[in-house]
Amino acid sequence: MSYAPTLIDNVFGGIRPAARALNKAASTIQSWHETGTIPQKHWNDIIIAAAEFGHILTAESFFPLSPQVPAQHGYSFDKPHCLSITDFHRVDIENLLELGGHYLDLSVQKSTREGPLRGKTLVNLFFENSTRTEKSFELAGKRLGADVISMNIGSSSVKKGETLLDTATTLNAMNPDLLVVRHGASGAPALLAQKLSCAVINAGDGMHAHPTQALLDALTLRQKLQETGQKIDKRDIGGLRIAICGDILHSRVARSNVQLLNILGADLRLIGPPTLIPIGAENWGVDIFHDMETGLEGCDVIMMLRLQLERMNGAFVPSKREYYHYHGLTREKLAYAKPGALVMHPGPMNRGVEISSDVADDPEISLITRQVEAGVAMRMAILHALSEAQNRAQIKAAS
């Protein structure tokens, strides 16, 4: 999957020849070789130097190679869709996180027509409002070289009474390669996946699932742990005690994170008032708490959730003020967790309802901004992996 060793070894003949050709310290080239990526600011110099060695490079040469799971796993990523975390084996998750890490390290250029999705069409179909998810998929697609179409539901035929199946038929006629869909009804993306010939990515369906958010949360956490040295093995979130706090009942993010973090071996806790804990949650492989003091004890990571008032048909909490008093994350409640505990939030945040501003904005512990950054990289990885799986399936079908 790493492209840097391939360029350094095959184009220049190794670390020392590359160092001489690029007029760089050998330690710098060795660092690129070991990490597997080359910072973008050096790409142009490498393209020029490679030409003198008889190699023609383009921007595409600096993207991660086709996503292949390490050899010991025995197979590459082959899933046709990204609908739910439960569709993936751990090896699939490791593959996606590894590729996401590459893109996060790259800080890839803002626009390219030579990326691995060049010639492909990505359609964003959002039946619910979104800022982070929709725009990150749009950026991800464009940075990979895809033609991106974001459909305006407010002015589409859906508003005129068109059914979801009719929309699927219309989309199929347009022959897209990838479809990103967010819908208020659980199961809508899965239904579209049955009717469409393209790869479908679930960007959130009802209270069911939000797999890409869970993946980017895991990527954010791994990168932070790697930087701080809290975990020697960057692949291992296992053993961390992670609390997911707030409106669990209405949260598709919580459900996907529980599934993913259980696969990765974390010790999970759900914290929230009884009215916001789903029936049967005790069977999810988690411990359940109703007060922050006992629930946060010894926690390494705290994932806060938004109160989803738009999904509530009744009084689930007495008031926002009382909810904040008992279940909002403040400095006082944070003290119950392990010293240095990290704080996450999928956004959008309700400051003063589920989290205080001084906690959310503390760069020492808050990963909230980094989650947004990781969102683009992780979604690039998902689009890349699905596109490659699609290409292999088409080649196999034609042979």
Protein backbone atom coordinates (compact mmCIF):
# COMPACT_ATOMS: atom_id res chain seq x y z
CA MET A 1 0.00 0.00 0.00
CA SER A 2 2.92 2.36 0.69
CA TYR A 3 4.18 4.16 -2.40
CA ALA A 4 7.29 5.91 -0.97
CA PRO A 5 9.53 2.79 -0.79
CA THR A 6 8.51 1.91 -4.35
CA LEU A 7 9.53 5.32 -5.69
CA ILE A 8 12.74 5.52 -3.69
CA ASP A 9 13.88 1.99 -4.57
CA ASN A 10 12.62 1.62 -8.14
CA VAL A 11 13.16 5.16 -9.42
CA PHE A 12 16.35 6.21 -7.65
CA GLY A 13 17.86 2.87 -6.64
CA GLY A 14 17.63 3.22 -2.88
CA ILE A 15 17.88 5.69 -0.01
CA ARG A 16 21.38 7.02 -0.60
CA PRO A 17 21.06 7.49 -4.37
CA ALA A 18 17.72 9.23 -3.78
CA ALA A 19 19.33 11.50 -1.19
CA ARG A 20 22.03 12.51 -3.68
CA ALA A 21 19.56 13.03 -6.54
CA LEU A 22 17.23 15.16 -4.43
CA ASN A 23 19.97 16.90 -2.44
CA LYS A 24 18.37 15.75 0.82
CA ALA A 25 19.78 14.23 3.96
CA ALA A 26 19.76 10.44 3.88
CA SER A 27 17.88 10.49 7.19
CA THR A 28 15.07 12.45 5.49
CA ILE A 29 14.77 9.91 2.67
CA GLN A 30 14.92 7.08 5.19
CA SER A 31 12.04 8.67 7.11
CA TRP A 32 9.95 8.78 3.93
CA HIS A 33 10.87 5.16 3.24
CA GLU A 34 9.89 4.01 6.73
CA THR A 35 6.62 5.97 7.00
CA GLY A 36 5.59 5.12 3.45
CA THR A 37 4.63 8.68 2.47
CA ILE A 38 6.34 11.75 1.02
CA PRO A 39 5.16 15.26 2.01
CA GLN A 40 3.44 17.01 -0.88
CA LYS A 41 5.81 20.00 -0.89
CA HIS A 42 8.56 17.67 -2.22
CA TRP A 43 6.53 16.11 -5.04
CA ASN A 44 7.55 18.56 -7.77
CA ASP A 45 11.26 18.19 -7.00
CA ILE A 46 10.92 14.41 -7.15
CA ILE A 47 9.07 14.54 -10.48
CA ILE A 48 11.87 16.65 -11.97
CA ALA A 49 14.64 14.46 -10.55
CA ALA A 50 12.90 11.25 -11.65
CA ALA A 51 12.79 12.49 -15.25
CA GLU A 52 16.60 12.60 -15.24
CA PHE A 53 16.54 8.92 -14.31
CA GLY A 54 14.17 8.17 -17.20
CA HIS A 55 11.00 7.88 -15.10
CA ILE A 56 7.89 9.94 -15.83
CA LEU A 57 5.95 10.62 -12.63
CA THR A 58 2.65 12.42 -12.14
CA ALA A 59 0.64 13.46 -9.10
CA GLU A 60 -1.02 10.02 -9.21
CA SER A 61 2.36 8.45 -8.44
CA PHE A 62 2.19 9.94 -4.95
CA PHE A 63 -1.18 8.51 -4.00
CA PRO A 64 -1.29 5.33 -1.91
CA LEU A 65 -1.19 2.23 -4.07
CA SER A 66 -4.29 0.14 -4.64
CA PRO A 67 -5.49 -0.85 -1.18
CA GLN A 68 -4.14 -4.31 -0.46
CA VAL A 69 -4.42 -5.94 2.94
CA PRO A 70 -1.01 -7.09 4.28
CA ALA A 71 -0.05 -10.48 2.84
CA GLN A 72 -0.56 -12.40 6.06
CA HIS A 73 -4.29 -11.71 5.83
CA GLY A 74 -4.47 -13.41 2.45
CA TYR A 75 -6.93 -11.19 0.57
CA SER A 76 -7.60 -7.63 -0.48
CA PHE A 77 -10.58 -5.38 0.29
CA ASP A 78 -13.49 -6.66 -1.78
CA LYS A 79 -16.66 -5.19 -0.28
CA PRO A 80 -19.09 -3.73 -2.85
CA HIS A 81 -20.69 -1.23 -0.44
CA CYS A 82 -20.18 0.55 2.88
CA LEU A 83 -23.55 0.23 4.60
CA SER A 84 -22.78 -0.84 8.16
CA ILE A 85 -19.78 -1.70 10.32
CA THR A 86 -21.29 -5.18 10.72
CA ASP A 87 -20.64 -5.79 7.00
CA PHE A 88 -16.88 -5.71 7.64
CA HIS A 89 -14.43 -8.16 9.13
CA ARG A 90 -11.62 -6.80 11.26
CA VAL A 91 -9.21 -7.18 8.36
CA ASP A 92 -11.44 -4.90 6.24
CA ILE A 93 -11.44 -2.31 9.00
CA GLU A 94 -7.67 -2.50 9.37
CA ASN A 95 -7.29 -2.08 5.63
CA LEU A 96 -9.50 1.02 5.57
CA LEU A 97 -7.84 2.59 8.60
CA GLU A 98 -4.39 1.97 7.15
CA LEU A 99 -5.34 3.65 3.87
CA GLY A 100 -7.02 6.49 5.80
CA GLY A 101 -3.81 6.99 7.72
CA HIS A 102 -1.89 7.33 4.47
CA TYR A 103 -4.24 10.02 3.20
CA LEU A 104 -4.16 11.82 6.53
CA ASP A 105 -0.35 11.85 6.41
CA LEU A 106 -0.33 13.06 2.83
CA SER A 107 -2.42 16.22 3.23
CA VAL A 108 -3.11 15.68 -0.46
CA GLN A 109 -3.39 18.50 -2.92
CA LYS A 110 -6.65 20.40 -3.08
CA SER A 111 -7.55 19.37 -6.60
CA THR A 112 -6.32 16.72 -9.01
CA ARG A 113 -7.55 15.13 -12.18
CA GLU A 114 -5.03 12.32 -11.92
CA GLY A 115 -6.23 10.62 -8.75
CA PRO A 116 -7.37 7.01 -8.47
CA LEU A 117 -11.02 8.01 -9.08
CA ARG A 118 -10.37 9.89 -12.33
CA GLY A 119 -13.06 9.08 -14.87
CA LYS A 120 -15.51 8.03 -12.14
CA THR A 121 -18.68 9.78 -11.03
CA LEU A 122 -19.60 10.28 -7.38
CA VAL A 123 -23.14 11.35 -6.50
CA ASN A 124 -24.00 12.81 -3.10
CA LEU A 125 -27.67 12.25 -2.24
CA PHE A 126 -28.51 13.80 1.12
CA PHE A 127 -32.15 13.68 2.23
CA GLU A 128 -31.13 15.16 5.60
CA ASN A 129 -29.12 18.33 6.14
CA SER A 130 -25.41 17.91 6.63
CA THR A 131 -22.32 20.08 6.63
CA ARG A 132 -19.40 17.94 7.75
CA THR A 133 -20.35 14.67 6.11
CA GLU A 134 -21.57 15.98 2.77
CA LYS A 135 -18.73 18.45 2.28
CA SER A 136 -16.07 15.98 3.37
CA PHE A 137 -17.33 13.43 0.83
CA GLU A 138 -17.39 16.17 -1.80
CA LEU A 139 -13.81 17.15 -1.00
CA ALA A 140 -12.72 13.51 -0.82
CA GLY A 141 -14.15 12.74 -4.24
CA LYS A 142 -12.62 15.82 -5.86
CA ARG A 143 -9.20 15.21 -4.32
CA LEU A 144 -9.25 11.69 -5.76
CA GLY A 145 -10.11 13.03 -9.22
CA ALA A 146 -13.79 12.03 -9.43
CA ASP A 147 -16.56 14.02 -11.06
CA VAL A 148 -18.73 14.95 -8.06
CA ILE A 149 -22.43 15.75 -8.25
CA SER A 150 -24.26 16.89 -5.11
CA MET A 151 -28.01 16.66 -5.66
CA ASN A 152 -30.21 19.35 -4.14
CA ILE A 153 -33.10 17.40 -2.61
CA GLY A 154 -34.99 20.62 -1.93
CA SER A 155 -35.39 21.23 -5.66
CA SER A 156 -35.40 17.61 -6.82
CA SER A 157 -38.23 15.32 -7.88
CA VAL A 158 -38.26 13.85 -4.37
CA LYS A 159 -40.01 17.02 -3.22
CA LYS A 160 -42.58 16.43 -5.94
CA GLY A 161 -43.52 13.03 -4.56
CA GLU A 162 -41.03 10.71 -6.25
CA THR A 163 -40.48 7.52 -4.27
CA LEU A 164 -37.07 6.26 -3.20
CA LEU A 165 -37.30 3.36 -5.68
CA ASP A 166 -38.12 5.77 -8.51
CA THR A 167 -35.14 7.86 -7.47
CA ALA A 168 -33.02 4.71 -7.60
CA THR A 169 -34.21 3.98 -11.14
CA THR A 170 -33.39 7.53 -12.22
CA LEU A 171 -29.94 7.38 -10.64
CA ASN A 172 -29.20 4.01 -12.24
CA ALA A 173 -29.93 5.51 -15.65
CA MET A 174 -27.26 8.14 -14.95
CA ASN A 175 -24.73 5.31 -14.42
CA PRO A 176 -22.83 6.68 -11.40
CA ASP A 177 -19.89 4.73 -9.98
CA LEU A 178 -20.36 5.65 -6.33
CA LEU A 179 -23.37 6.96 -4.42
CA VAL A 180 -23.21 8.55 -0.98
CA VAL A 181 -26.63 8.68 0.65
CA ARG A 182 -28.01 10.05 3.91
CA HIS A 183 -31.66 9.35 4.68
CA GLY A 184 -33.98 9.69 7.64
CA ALA A 185 -35.30 6.14 7.26
CA SER A 186 -33.26 3.23 8.58
CA GLY A 187 -32.40 0.83 5.77
CA ALA A 188 -32.74 3.31 2.90
CA PRO A 189 -29.09 2.98 1.76
CA ALA A 190 -29.36 -0.82 1.89
CA LEU A 191 -32.46 -0.67 -0.30
CA LEU A 192 -30.68 1.54 -2.82
CA ALA A 193 -27.72 -0.86 -2.81
CA GLN A 194 -30.07 -3.64 -3.95
CA LYS A 195 -31.44 -1.55 -6.81
CA LEU A 196 -28.34 0.24 -8.07
CA SER A 197 -25.34 -1.10 -9.97
CA CYS A 198 -22.89 1.25 -8.25
CA ALA A 199 -21.16 1.21 -4.86
CA VAL A 200 -23.35 2.71 -2.12
CA ILE A 201 -21.94 4.43 0.96
CA ASN A 202 -24.20 4.97 3.96
CA ALA A 203 -23.69 8.51 5.27
CA GLY A 204 -26.28 7.99 8.01
CA ASP A 205 -29.70 6.33 7.95
CA GLY A 206 -32.26 7.09 10.62
CA MET A 207 -31.09 5.82 13.99
CA HIS A 208 -29.47 2.77 12.40
CA ALA A 209 -25.87 3.37 11.30
CA HIS A 210 -23.19 5.89 10.36
CA PRO A 211 -20.20 3.68 9.48
CA THR A 212 -17.93 6.36 8.01
CA GLN A 213 -18.20 8.44 11.18
CA ALA A 214 -17.15 5.47 13.31
CA LEU A 215 -14.20 4.79 11.02
CA LEU A 216 -13.00 8.40 11.09
CA ASP A 217 -13.35 8.43 14.89
CA ALA A 218 -11.12 5.36 15.10
CA LEU A 219 -8.62 6.93 12.70
CA THR A 220 -8.54 10.14 14.75
CA LEU A 221 -7.95 8.23 17.96
CA ARG A 222 -5.21 6.03 16.50
CA GLN A 223 -3.33 9.00 15.10
CA LYS A 224 -3.45 10.80 18.44
CA LEU A 225 -2.33 7.75 20.37
CA GLN A 226 0.51 7.19 17.94
CA GLU A 227 1.69 10.79 18.36
CA THR A 228 1.59 10.76 22.13
CA GLY A 229 3.11 7.31 22.46
CA GLN A 230 0.23 6.05 24.60
CA LYS A 231 0.09 2.95 22.42
CA ILE A 232 3.15 1.28 20.94
CA ASP A 233 1.14 -0.56 18.32
CA LYS A 234 -0.89 2.00 16.36
CA ARG A 235 -3.23 -0.75 15.23
CA ASP A 236 -4.35 -1.50 18.75
CA ILE A 237 -7.19 0.36 20.44
CA GLY A 238 -7.83 -2.79 22.44
CA GLY A 239 -7.76 -2.29 26.18
CA LEU A 240 -8.71 1.39 26.10
CA ARG A 241 -11.70 2.25 28.24
CA ILE A 242 -14.02 4.39 26.12
CA ALA A 243 -17.24 6.03 27.30
CA ILE A 244 -19.96 7.07 24.84
CA CYS A 245 -22.14 9.61 26.60
CA GLY A 246 -25.48 11.28 25.98
CA ASP A 247 -28.36 10.56 23.65
CA ILE A 248 -27.56 6.93 22.84
CA LEU A 249 -31.17 6.15 21.95
CA HIS A 250 -31.34 8.34 18.85
CA SER A 251 -27.68 8.09 17.81
CA ARG A 252 -26.62 6.14 14.74
CA VAL A 253 -23.07 7.30 15.53
CA ALA A 254 -23.21 5.53 18.89
CA ARG A 255 -24.42 2.29 17.34
CA SER A 256 -21.70 2.24 14.68
CA ASN A 257 -18.99 3.17 17.18
CA VAL A 258 -20.09 0.41 19.55
CA GLN A 259 -19.84 -2.12 16.71
CA LEU A 260 -16.45 -0.87 15.51
CA LEU A 261 -14.81 -0.40 18.91
CA ASN A 262 -15.99 -3.83 20.04
CA ILE A 263 -14.30 -5.33 16.98
CA LEU A 264 -11.11 -3.44 17.86
CA GLY A 265 -11.23 -4.71 21.45
CA ALA A 266 -12.02 -1.59 23.47
CA ASP A 267 -13.68 -1.67 26.90
CA LEU A 268 -16.93 0.21 26.21
CA ARG A 269 -19.30 2.11 28.44
CA LEU A 270 -22.57 3.87 27.65
CA ILE A 271 -23.55 6.76 29.90
CA GLY A 272 -26.87 8.57 29.79
CA PRO A 273 -30.20 9.04 31.51
CA PRO A 274 -32.41 5.91 31.47
CA THR A 275 -34.77 7.55 28.97
CA LEU A 276 -31.93 7.86 26.43
CA ILE A 277 -30.52 4.34 26.71
CA PRO A 278 -32.06 1.96 24.13
CA ILE A 279 -33.89 -1.14 25.28
CA GLY A 280 -31.56 -4.10 24.88
CA ALA A 281 -28.36 -2.02 24.98
CA GLU A 282 -27.08 -4.30 27.73
CA ASN A 283 -26.63 -6.92 24.99
CA TRP A 284 -24.32 -4.72 22.92
CA GLY A 285 -21.16 -5.79 24.74
CA VAL A 286 -21.03 -2.65 26.87
CA ASP A 287 -21.43 -1.57 30.49
CA ILE A 288 -24.24 0.90 31.14
CA PHE A 289 -24.18 3.78 33.60
CA HIS A 290 -26.65 6.53 34.32
CA ASP A 291 -24.39 8.96 36.16
CA MET A 292 -21.17 10.54 34.91
CA GLU A 293 -19.22 10.14 38.14
CA THR A 294 -19.16 6.34 38.16
CA GLY A 295 -19.38 5.94 34.39
CA LEU A 296 -16.29 8.02 33.62
CA GLU A 297 -14.09 6.41 36.25
CA GLY A 298 -10.85 5.25 34.64
CA CYS A 299 -11.90 6.18 31.10
CA ASP A 300 -9.21 6.96 28.51
CA VAL A 301 -11.58 8.45 25.93
CA ILE A 302 -14.93 10.21 26.23
CA MET A 303 -17.20 10.45 23.18
CA MET A 304 -19.97 12.99 23.71
CA LEU A 305 -23.17 12.92 21.67
CA ARG A 306 -25.61 15.64 20.67
CA LEU A 307 -29.13 15.70 22.09
CA GLN A 308 -31.13 14.94 18.94
CA LEU A 309 -34.24 16.91 19.80
CA GLU A 310 -35.50 16.65 16.20
CA ARG A 311 -35.95 12.89 16.66
CA MET A 312 -37.67 13.13 20.02
CA ASN A 313 -41.45 12.77 20.13
CA GLY A 314 -41.89 13.54 23.80
CA ALA A 315 -40.05 14.69 26.90
CA PHE A 316 -36.94 12.53 27.19
CA VAL A 317 -35.19 15.04 29.47
CA PRO A 318 -36.77 17.57 31.86
CA SER A 319 -34.85 20.48 30.31
CA LYS A 320 -31.58 21.29 28.57
CA ARG A 321 -30.34 23.00 31.71
CA GLU A 322 -30.98 19.98 33.89
CA TYR A 323 -29.50 17.66 31.27
CA TYR A 324 -26.30 19.73 31.22
CA HIS A 325 -26.16 19.72 35.01
CA TYR A 326 -26.21 15.93 35.20
CA HIS A 327 -24.84 14.69 31.87
CA GLY A 328 -23.03 17.58 30.18
CA LEU A 329 -19.25 17.23 30.11
CA THR A 330 -17.60 19.91 32.25
CA ARG A 331 -14.19 20.20 33.85
CA GLU A 332 -15.66 18.89 37.07
CA LYS A 333 -17.05 15.75 35.45
CA LEU A 334 -13.93 15.30 33.33
CA ALA A 335 -11.96 14.94 36.55
CA TYR A 336 -13.71 11.60 37.16
CA ALA A 337 -11.96 10.14 34.10
CA LYS A 338 -8.33 9.11 33.83
CA PRO A 339 -5.88 12.07 33.85
CA GLY A 340 -5.28 13.21 30.29
CA ALA A 341 -8.46 11.58 28.98
CA LEU A 342 -9.26 12.53 25.39
CA VAL A 343 -12.57 14.10 24.38
CA MET A 344 -14.42 13.53 21.10
CA HIS A 345 -17.68 14.76 19.57
CA PRO A 346 -19.08 13.95 16.08
CA GLY A 347 -20.69 17.40 15.77
CA PRO A 348 -22.57 19.56 15.52
CA MET A 349 -22.05 20.53 19.16
CA ASN A 350 -24.57 22.14 21.47
CA ARG A 351 -22.28 24.08 23.78
CA GLY A 352 -23.65 24.34 27.26
CA VAL A 353 -25.96 21.36 26.66
CA GLU A 354 -23.76 18.29 26.20
CA ILE A 355 -20.32 19.88 26.54
CA SER A 356 -18.75 23.04 27.94
CA SER A 357 -16.76 25.34 25.66
CA ASP A 358 -13.62 25.21 27.77
CA VAL A 359 -13.50 21.40 27.38
CA ALA A 360 -14.43 21.38 23.68
CA ASP A 361 -11.81 24.01 22.82
CA ASP A 362 -8.92 22.64 24.88
CA PRO A 363 -6.30 21.51 22.31
CA GLU A 364 -4.56 19.31 24.87
CA ILE A 365 -7.50 16.94 25.23
CA SER A 366 -10.09 17.75 22.56
CA LEU A 367 -9.94 15.82 19.27
CA ILE A 368 -13.06 17.46 17.84
CA THR A 369 -11.31 19.56 15.18
CA ARG A 370 -9.07 16.63 14.30
CA GLN A 371 -12.16 14.48 13.72
CA VAL A 372 -13.21 16.88 10.96
CA GLU A 373 -9.73 16.71 9.40
CA ALA A 374 -9.72 12.92 9.60
CA GLY A 375 -13.16 12.85 8.00
CA VAL A 376 -11.85 13.86 4.58
CA ALA A 377 -8.92 11.42 4.71
CA MET A 378 -11.06 8.51 5.93
CA ARG A 379 -13.69 9.11 3.28
CA MET A 380 -10.98 9.29 0.63
CA ALA A 381 -9.85 5.86 1.82
CA ILE A 382 -13.39 4.45 1.67
CA LEU A 383 -14.02 5.81 -1.82
CA HIS A 384 -10.61 4.58 -3.01
CA ALA A 385 -11.08 1.10 -1.56
CA LEU A 386 -14.61 0.69 -2.94
CA SER A 387 -13.50 1.94 -6.35
CA GLU A 388 -10.64 -0.56 -6.47
CA ALA A 389 -12.95 -3.38 -5.38
CA GLN A 390 -15.37 -2.30 -8.09
CA ASN A 391 -12.62 -2.33 -10.72
CA ARG A 392 -11.52 -5.83 -9.73
CA ALA A 393 -15.11 -7.11 -9.81
CA GLN A 394 -15.61 -5.65 -13.31
CA ILE A 395 -12.37 -7.23 -14.58
CA LYS A 396 -13.36 -10.58 -13.09
CA ALA A 397 -16.84 -10.39 -14.63
CA ALA A 398 -15.39 -9.58 -18.06
CA SER A 399 -12.86 -12.41 -17.99
